[in-house]
Amino acid sequence: MRNTEADRCECHALHEGAVKAAKKRMPKEELLFELAELFKVLGDSTRARIIGALLHSELCVCDIGALLGMSKSAISHQLRILRQSRLVKNRRDGKVVFYSLDDRHVEGIFKKGLAHVSEAAQ
């Protein structure tokens, strides 16, 4: 990314009221760290593809692998990371384990992100 004229602030005065108000409203540091970690997990294109695949229905590892053209081992590794981050959950039906999005928040985050990048592409 390049700096542009619009990115540079030419003022030399501190706007104390605005700084104090922003400081009061800032989320706690621990929450911001967790949020950054969440976005790191979502920042992997394979994991994003898996989330996209699970948007509308639950799928097993074999289904996801066939859909994405990847091995079961590779898919399982990514699902483990997604599960640890509470982005997906699983349920067992006999010998088959099905995966789905953990909750509506995951769907919302993903759809908002898609809307943002789609808007920028237009």
N, C-alpha and C. Protein backbone atom coordinates (compact mmCIF):
# COMPACT_ATOMS: atom_id res chain seq x y z
N MET A 1 0.83 -1.18 0.00
CA MET A 1 0.00 0.00 0.00
C MET A 1 0.88 1.24 0.00
N ARG A 2 0.47 2.20 -0.77
CA ARG A 2 1.20 3.46 -0.82
C ARG A 2 0.47 4.50 0.01
N ASN A 3 1.26 5.36 0.63
CA ASN A 3 0.66 6.50 1.32
C ASN A 3 0.22 7.51 0.27
N THR A 4 -0.92 8.08 0.50
CA THR A 4 -1.40 9.14 -0.39
C THR A 4 -1.52 10.41 0.42
N GLU A 5 -1.75 11.50 -0.26
CA GLU A 5 -1.93 12.78 0.43
C GLU A 5 -3.06 12.69 1.45
N ALA A 6 -4.10 11.95 1.12
CA ALA A 6 -5.26 11.82 2.01
C ALA A 6 -4.90 11.06 3.29
N ASP A 7 -3.84 10.25 3.26
CA ASP A 7 -3.45 9.47 4.44
C ASP A 7 -2.63 10.28 5.44
N ARG A 8 -2.11 11.40 5.02
CA ARG A 8 -1.23 12.19 5.89
C ARG A 8 -1.99 13.32 6.57
N CYS A 9 -1.85 13.36 7.88
CA CYS A 9 -2.50 14.42 8.67
C CYS A 9 -1.52 15.57 8.80
N GLU A 10 -1.95 16.76 8.47
CA GLU A 10 -1.10 17.93 8.53
C GLU A 10 -1.31 18.75 9.81
N CYS A 11 -2.24 18.33 10.66
CA CYS A 11 -2.49 19.11 11.87
C CYS A 11 -1.46 18.76 12.94
N HIS A 12 -1.24 19.67 13.84
CA HIS A 12 -0.27 19.47 14.92
C HIS A 12 -0.92 19.61 16.28
N ALA A 13 -2.22 19.79 16.31
CA ALA A 13 -2.95 19.96 17.56
C ALA A 13 -3.64 18.65 17.91
N LEU A 14 -3.65 18.32 19.19
CA LEU A 14 -4.34 17.12 19.65
C LEU A 14 -5.80 17.48 19.94
N HIS A 15 -6.70 16.70 19.44
CA HIS A 15 -8.12 16.92 19.68
C HIS A 15 -8.50 16.11 20.92
N GLU A 16 -8.24 16.68 22.08
CA GLU A 16 -8.35 15.96 23.35
C GLU A 16 -9.73 15.36 23.59
N GLY A 17 -10.77 16.09 23.28
CA GLY A 17 -12.13 15.57 23.50
C GLY A 17 -12.39 14.32 22.68
N ALA A 18 -11.98 14.36 21.43
CA ALA A 18 -12.18 13.21 20.55
C ALA A 18 -11.35 12.01 21.02
N VAL A 19 -10.12 12.27 21.46
CA VAL A 19 -9.25 11.20 21.94
C VAL A 19 -9.82 10.57 23.20
N LYS A 20 -10.29 11.38 24.13
CA LYS A 20 -10.87 10.85 25.38
C LYS A 20 -12.13 10.03 25.08
N ALA A 21 -12.97 10.53 24.19
CA ALA A 21 -14.21 9.81 23.85
C ALA A 21 -13.88 8.47 23.18
N ALA A 22 -12.91 8.48 22.28
CA ALA A 22 -12.52 7.24 21.61
C ALA A 22 -11.93 6.24 22.60
N LYS A 23 -11.13 6.75 23.54
CA LYS A 23 -10.51 5.88 24.53
C LYS A 23 -11.56 5.18 25.39
N LYS A 24 -12.62 5.90 25.75
CA LYS A 24 -13.70 5.32 26.56
C LYS A 24 -14.43 4.22 25.81
N ARG A 25 -14.54 4.38 24.51
CA ARG A 25 -15.33 3.44 23.70
C ARG A 25 -14.51 2.29 23.12
N MET A 26 -13.21 2.36 23.25
CA MET A 26 -12.35 1.31 22.69
C MET A 26 -12.64 -0.02 23.37
N PRO A 27 -12.75 -1.09 22.60
CA PRO A 27 -12.89 -2.42 23.22
C PRO A 27 -11.63 -2.76 24.02
N LYS A 28 -11.79 -3.66 24.97
CA LYS A 28 -10.65 -4.06 25.80
C LYS A 28 -9.58 -4.71 24.93
N GLU A 29 -8.34 -4.53 25.35
CA GLU A 29 -7.19 -5.04 24.60
C GLU A 29 -7.28 -6.55 24.35
N GLU A 30 -7.75 -7.30 25.35
CA GLU A 30 -7.86 -8.76 25.20
C GLU A 30 -8.85 -9.12 24.09
N LEU A 31 -9.95 -8.38 24.02
CA LEU A 31 -10.94 -8.64 22.98
C LEU A 31 -10.40 -8.30 21.59
N LEU A 32 -9.63 -7.22 21.50
CA LEU A 32 -9.04 -6.85 20.22
C LEU A 32 -8.03 -7.90 19.77
N PHE A 33 -7.28 -8.46 20.72
CA PHE A 33 -6.34 -9.54 20.40
C PHE A 33 -7.10 -10.75 19.85
N GLU A 34 -8.18 -11.14 20.53
CA GLU A 34 -8.98 -12.28 20.07
C GLU A 34 -9.59 -12.02 18.70
N LEU A 35 -10.02 -10.79 18.46
CA LEU A 35 -10.58 -10.43 17.16
C LEU A 35 -9.52 -10.54 16.07
N ALA A 36 -8.32 -10.07 16.36
CA ALA A 36 -7.22 -10.17 15.39
C ALA A 36 -6.91 -11.63 15.09
N GLU A 37 -6.93 -12.49 16.11
CA GLU A 37 -6.69 -13.92 15.90
C GLU A 37 -7.79 -14.54 15.04
N LEU A 38 -9.03 -14.13 15.26
CA LEU A 38 -10.15 -14.61 14.45
C LEU A 38 -9.93 -14.26 12.98
N PHE A 39 -9.54 -13.02 12.72
CA PHE A 39 -9.32 -12.60 11.34
C PHE A 39 -8.11 -13.29 10.73
N LYS A 40 -7.13 -13.65 11.54
CA LYS A 40 -6.00 -14.44 11.02
C LYS A 40 -6.50 -15.79 10.52
N VAL A 41 -7.36 -16.42 11.30
CA VAL A 41 -7.90 -17.71 10.90
C VAL A 41 -8.70 -17.57 9.62
N LEU A 42 -9.52 -16.55 9.53
CA LEU A 42 -10.33 -16.32 8.33
C LEU A 42 -9.49 -15.83 7.16
N GLY A 43 -8.26 -15.39 7.44
CA GLY A 43 -7.39 -14.86 6.40
C GLY A 43 -6.78 -15.91 5.49
N ASP A 44 -7.02 -17.17 5.75
CA ASP A 44 -6.52 -18.25 4.91
C ASP A 44 -7.58 -18.59 3.86
N SER A 45 -7.21 -18.59 2.58
CA SER A 45 -8.22 -18.79 1.53
C SER A 45 -8.85 -20.18 1.58
N THR A 46 -8.12 -21.20 1.99
CA THR A 46 -8.72 -22.53 2.10
C THR A 46 -9.78 -22.54 3.19
N ARG A 47 -9.48 -21.94 4.32
CA ARG A 47 -10.48 -21.90 5.40
C ARG A 47 -11.68 -21.05 4.99
N ALA A 48 -11.44 -19.98 4.26
CA ALA A 48 -12.56 -19.16 3.76
C ALA A 48 -13.42 -19.97 2.80
N ARG A 49 -12.80 -20.78 1.97
CA ARG A 49 -13.56 -21.63 1.04
C ARG A 49 -14.40 -22.65 1.81
N ILE A 50 -13.83 -23.20 2.89
CA ILE A 50 -14.58 -24.16 3.70
C ILE A 50 -15.79 -23.48 4.34
N ILE A 51 -15.59 -22.29 4.90
CA ILE A 51 -16.70 -21.54 5.49
C ILE A 51 -17.77 -21.30 4.41
N GLY A 52 -17.34 -20.90 3.22
CA GLY A 52 -18.28 -20.68 2.11
C GLY A 52 -19.05 -21.94 1.76
N ALA A 53 -18.38 -23.07 1.81
CA ALA A 53 -19.04 -24.34 1.50
C ALA A 53 -20.08 -24.70 2.56
N LEU A 54 -19.83 -24.30 3.79
CA LEU A 54 -20.73 -24.66 4.89
C LEU A 54 -21.83 -23.63 5.14
N LEU A 55 -21.87 -22.59 4.33
CA LEU A 55 -22.87 -21.53 4.54
C LEU A 55 -24.30 -22.04 4.52
N HIS A 56 -24.59 -23.00 3.66
CA HIS A 56 -25.99 -23.39 3.47
C HIS A 56 -26.33 -24.80 3.93
N SER A 57 -25.31 -25.62 4.17
CA SER A 57 -25.61 -26.97 4.65
C SER A 57 -24.39 -27.59 5.30
N GLU A 58 -24.65 -28.57 6.14
CA GLU A 58 -23.54 -29.28 6.75
C GLU A 58 -22.97 -30.28 5.75
N LEU A 59 -21.68 -30.53 5.87
CA LEU A 59 -20.99 -31.44 4.97
C LEU A 59 -19.98 -32.26 5.76
N CYS A 60 -19.66 -33.46 5.26
CA CYS A 60 -18.62 -34.26 5.89
C CYS A 60 -17.29 -33.92 5.22
N VAL A 61 -16.20 -34.41 5.78
CA VAL A 61 -14.86 -34.14 5.26
C VAL A 61 -14.76 -34.56 3.79
N CYS A 62 -15.30 -35.73 3.46
CA CYS A 62 -15.25 -36.22 2.07
C CYS A 62 -15.97 -35.26 1.13
N ASP A 63 -17.13 -34.77 1.56
CA ASP A 63 -17.90 -33.83 0.74
C ASP A 63 -17.09 -32.55 0.49
N ILE A 64 -16.52 -32.02 1.56
CA ILE A 64 -15.75 -30.77 1.45
C ILE A 64 -14.53 -30.99 0.57
N GLY A 65 -13.85 -32.12 0.75
CA GLY A 65 -12.68 -32.43 -0.06
C GLY A 65 -13.02 -32.51 -1.54
N ALA A 66 -14.14 -33.18 -1.85
CA ALA A 66 -14.57 -33.31 -3.25
C ALA A 66 -14.93 -31.94 -3.82
N LEU A 67 -15.62 -31.13 -3.03
CA LEU A 67 -16.04 -29.81 -3.48
C LEU A 67 -14.84 -28.90 -3.77
N LEU A 68 -13.83 -28.96 -2.90
CA LEU A 68 -12.67 -28.06 -3.03
C LEU A 68 -11.50 -28.68 -3.77
N GLY A 69 -11.63 -29.96 -4.13
CA GLY A 69 -10.54 -30.63 -4.83
C GLY A 69 -9.30 -30.81 -3.97
N MET A 70 -9.52 -31.18 -2.70
CA MET A 70 -8.42 -31.35 -1.75
C MET A 70 -8.54 -32.70 -1.05
N SER A 71 -7.43 -33.14 -0.46
CA SER A 71 -7.42 -34.42 0.25
C SER A 71 -8.17 -34.31 1.57
N LYS A 72 -8.65 -35.45 2.05
CA LYS A 72 -9.33 -35.48 3.35
C LYS A 72 -8.39 -35.00 4.45
N SER A 73 -7.12 -35.37 4.35
CA SER A 73 -6.14 -34.97 5.35
C SER A 73 -5.99 -33.45 5.42
N ALA A 74 -5.89 -32.82 4.26
CA ALA A 74 -5.75 -31.35 4.21
C ALA A 74 -7.00 -30.67 4.76
N ILE A 75 -8.17 -31.20 4.40
CA ILE A 75 -9.43 -30.63 4.88
C ILE A 75 -9.53 -30.80 6.39
N SER A 76 -9.19 -31.99 6.89
CA SER A 76 -9.27 -32.25 8.33
C SER A 76 -8.38 -31.30 9.11
N HIS A 77 -7.20 -31.03 8.59
CA HIS A 77 -6.28 -30.09 9.26
C HIS A 77 -6.92 -28.70 9.37
N GLN A 78 -7.51 -28.23 8.28
CA GLN A 78 -8.14 -26.90 8.29
C GLN A 78 -9.38 -26.88 9.18
N LEU A 79 -10.15 -27.96 9.17
CA LEU A 79 -11.33 -28.03 10.03
C LEU A 79 -10.95 -28.00 11.51
N ARG A 80 -9.84 -28.62 11.85
CA ARG A 80 -9.38 -28.60 13.24
C ARG A 80 -9.11 -27.15 13.69
N ILE A 81 -8.46 -26.39 12.83
CA ILE A 81 -8.18 -24.97 13.14
C ILE A 81 -9.49 -24.20 13.26
N LEU A 82 -10.41 -24.42 12.34
CA LEU A 82 -11.71 -23.73 12.38
C LEU A 82 -12.50 -24.11 13.62
N ARG A 83 -12.43 -25.37 14.01
CA ARG A 83 -13.14 -25.84 15.20
C ARG A 83 -12.54 -25.22 16.47
N GLN A 84 -11.21 -25.16 16.54
CA GLN A 84 -10.54 -24.57 17.70
C GLN A 84 -10.87 -23.08 17.84
N SER A 85 -11.14 -22.45 16.73
CA SER A 85 -11.50 -21.02 16.74
C SER A 85 -12.99 -20.80 16.89
N ARG A 86 -13.74 -21.88 17.10
CA ARG A 86 -15.18 -21.84 17.28
C ARG A 86 -15.92 -21.25 16.07
N LEU A 87 -15.38 -21.53 14.87
CA LEU A 87 -16.05 -21.10 13.65
C LEU A 87 -16.90 -22.21 13.06
N VAL A 88 -16.52 -23.46 13.29
CA VAL A 88 -17.32 -24.60 12.86
C VAL A 88 -17.52 -25.54 14.04
N LYS A 89 -18.54 -26.36 13.93
CA LYS A 89 -18.81 -27.40 14.92
C LYS A 89 -19.04 -28.70 14.17
N ASN A 90 -19.04 -29.80 14.89
CA ASN A 90 -19.27 -31.08 14.23
C ASN A 90 -20.29 -31.90 15.00
N ARG A 91 -20.85 -32.86 14.28
CA ARG A 91 -21.75 -33.82 14.91
C ARG A 91 -21.50 -35.17 14.24
N ARG A 92 -21.58 -36.21 15.03
CA ARG A 92 -21.34 -37.55 14.52
C ARG A 92 -22.66 -38.23 14.23
N ASP A 93 -22.72 -38.91 13.09
CA ASP A 93 -23.86 -39.74 12.71
C ASP A 93 -23.29 -41.09 12.30
N GLY A 94 -23.24 -42.01 13.25
CA GLY A 94 -22.58 -43.29 13.00
C GLY A 94 -21.08 -43.08 12.84
N LYS A 95 -20.56 -43.47 11.70
CA LYS A 95 -19.12 -43.30 11.44
C LYS A 95 -18.79 -42.00 10.73
N VAL A 96 -19.82 -41.25 10.36
CA VAL A 96 -19.62 -40.02 9.59
C VAL A 96 -19.71 -38.82 10.52
N VAL A 97 -18.76 -37.88 10.35
CA VAL A 97 -18.76 -36.64 11.11
C VAL A 97 -19.13 -35.51 10.15
N PHE A 98 -20.19 -34.80 10.49
CA PHE A 98 -20.65 -33.68 9.68
C PHE A 98 -20.21 -32.37 10.33
N TYR A 99 -19.86 -31.41 9.49
CA TYR A 99 -19.43 -30.09 9.95
C TYR A 99 -20.43 -29.04 9.49
N SER A 100 -20.60 -28.03 10.34
CA SER A 100 -21.47 -26.90 10.02
C SER A 100 -20.88 -25.66 10.69
N LEU A 101 -21.41 -24.51 10.32
CA LEU A 101 -20.97 -23.27 10.97
C LEU A 101 -21.37 -23.31 12.43
N ASP A 102 -20.53 -22.75 13.28
CA ASP A 102 -20.78 -22.82 14.72
C ASP A 102 -22.05 -22.09 15.13
N ASP A 103 -22.28 -20.91 14.55
CA ASP A 103 -23.49 -20.15 14.87
C ASP A 103 -23.74 -19.08 13.81
N ARG A 104 -24.80 -18.33 14.01
CA ARG A 104 -25.20 -17.28 13.05
C ARG A 104 -24.16 -16.17 12.94
N HIS A 105 -23.38 -15.96 13.99
CA HIS A 105 -22.35 -14.92 13.93
C HIS A 105 -21.35 -15.21 12.83
N VAL A 106 -20.96 -16.46 12.71
CA VAL A 106 -19.98 -16.85 11.69
C VAL A 106 -20.53 -16.55 10.30
N GLU A 107 -21.78 -16.92 10.08
CA GLU A 107 -22.43 -16.62 8.81
C GLU A 107 -22.46 -15.12 8.56
N GLY A 108 -22.80 -14.35 9.59
CA GLY A 108 -22.88 -12.90 9.46
C GLY A 108 -21.53 -12.27 9.14
N ILE A 109 -20.48 -12.70 9.84
CA ILE A 109 -19.13 -12.18 9.59
C ILE A 109 -18.73 -12.47 8.14
N PHE A 110 -18.96 -13.71 7.72
CA PHE A 110 -18.57 -14.12 6.37
C PHE A 110 -19.34 -13.33 5.32
N LYS A 111 -20.65 -13.23 5.48
CA LYS A 111 -21.48 -12.53 4.50
C LYS A 111 -21.16 -11.03 4.45
N LYS A 112 -20.89 -10.43 5.61
CA LYS A 112 -20.52 -9.01 5.63
C LYS A 112 -19.20 -8.80 4.91
N GLY A 113 -18.24 -9.71 5.14
CA GLY A 113 -16.96 -9.62 4.44
C GLY A 113 -17.12 -9.76 2.94
N LEU A 114 -17.95 -10.72 2.52
CA LEU A 114 -18.21 -10.89 1.08
C LEU A 114 -18.86 -9.65 0.48
N ALA A 115 -19.81 -9.08 1.21
CA ALA A 115 -20.47 -7.87 0.71
C ALA A 115 -19.47 -6.73 0.58
N HIS A 116 -18.56 -6.63 1.53
CA HIS A 116 -17.56 -5.56 1.49
C HIS A 116 -16.63 -5.71 0.28
N VAL A 117 -16.10 -6.93 0.07
CA VAL A 117 -15.17 -7.10 -1.05
C VAL A 117 -15.91 -7.06 -2.38
N SER A 118 -17.16 -7.49 -2.42
CA SER A 118 -17.94 -7.42 -3.65
C SER A 118 -18.21 -5.98 -4.03
N GLU A 119 -18.50 -5.15 -3.05
CA GLU A 119 -18.77 -3.74 -3.28
C GLU A 119 -17.52 -3.05 -3.81
N ALA A 120 -16.38 -3.38 -3.24
CA ALA A 120 -15.12 -2.77 -3.67
C ALA A 120 -14.75 -3.18 -5.09
N ALA A 121 -15.19 -4.37 -5.51
CA ALA A 121 -14.85 -4.88 -6.84
C ALA A 121 -15.69 -4.23 -7.94
N GLN A 122 -16.79 -3.60 -7.58
CA GLN A 122 -17.70 -3.02 -8.58
C GLN A 122 -17.23 -1.68 -9.06
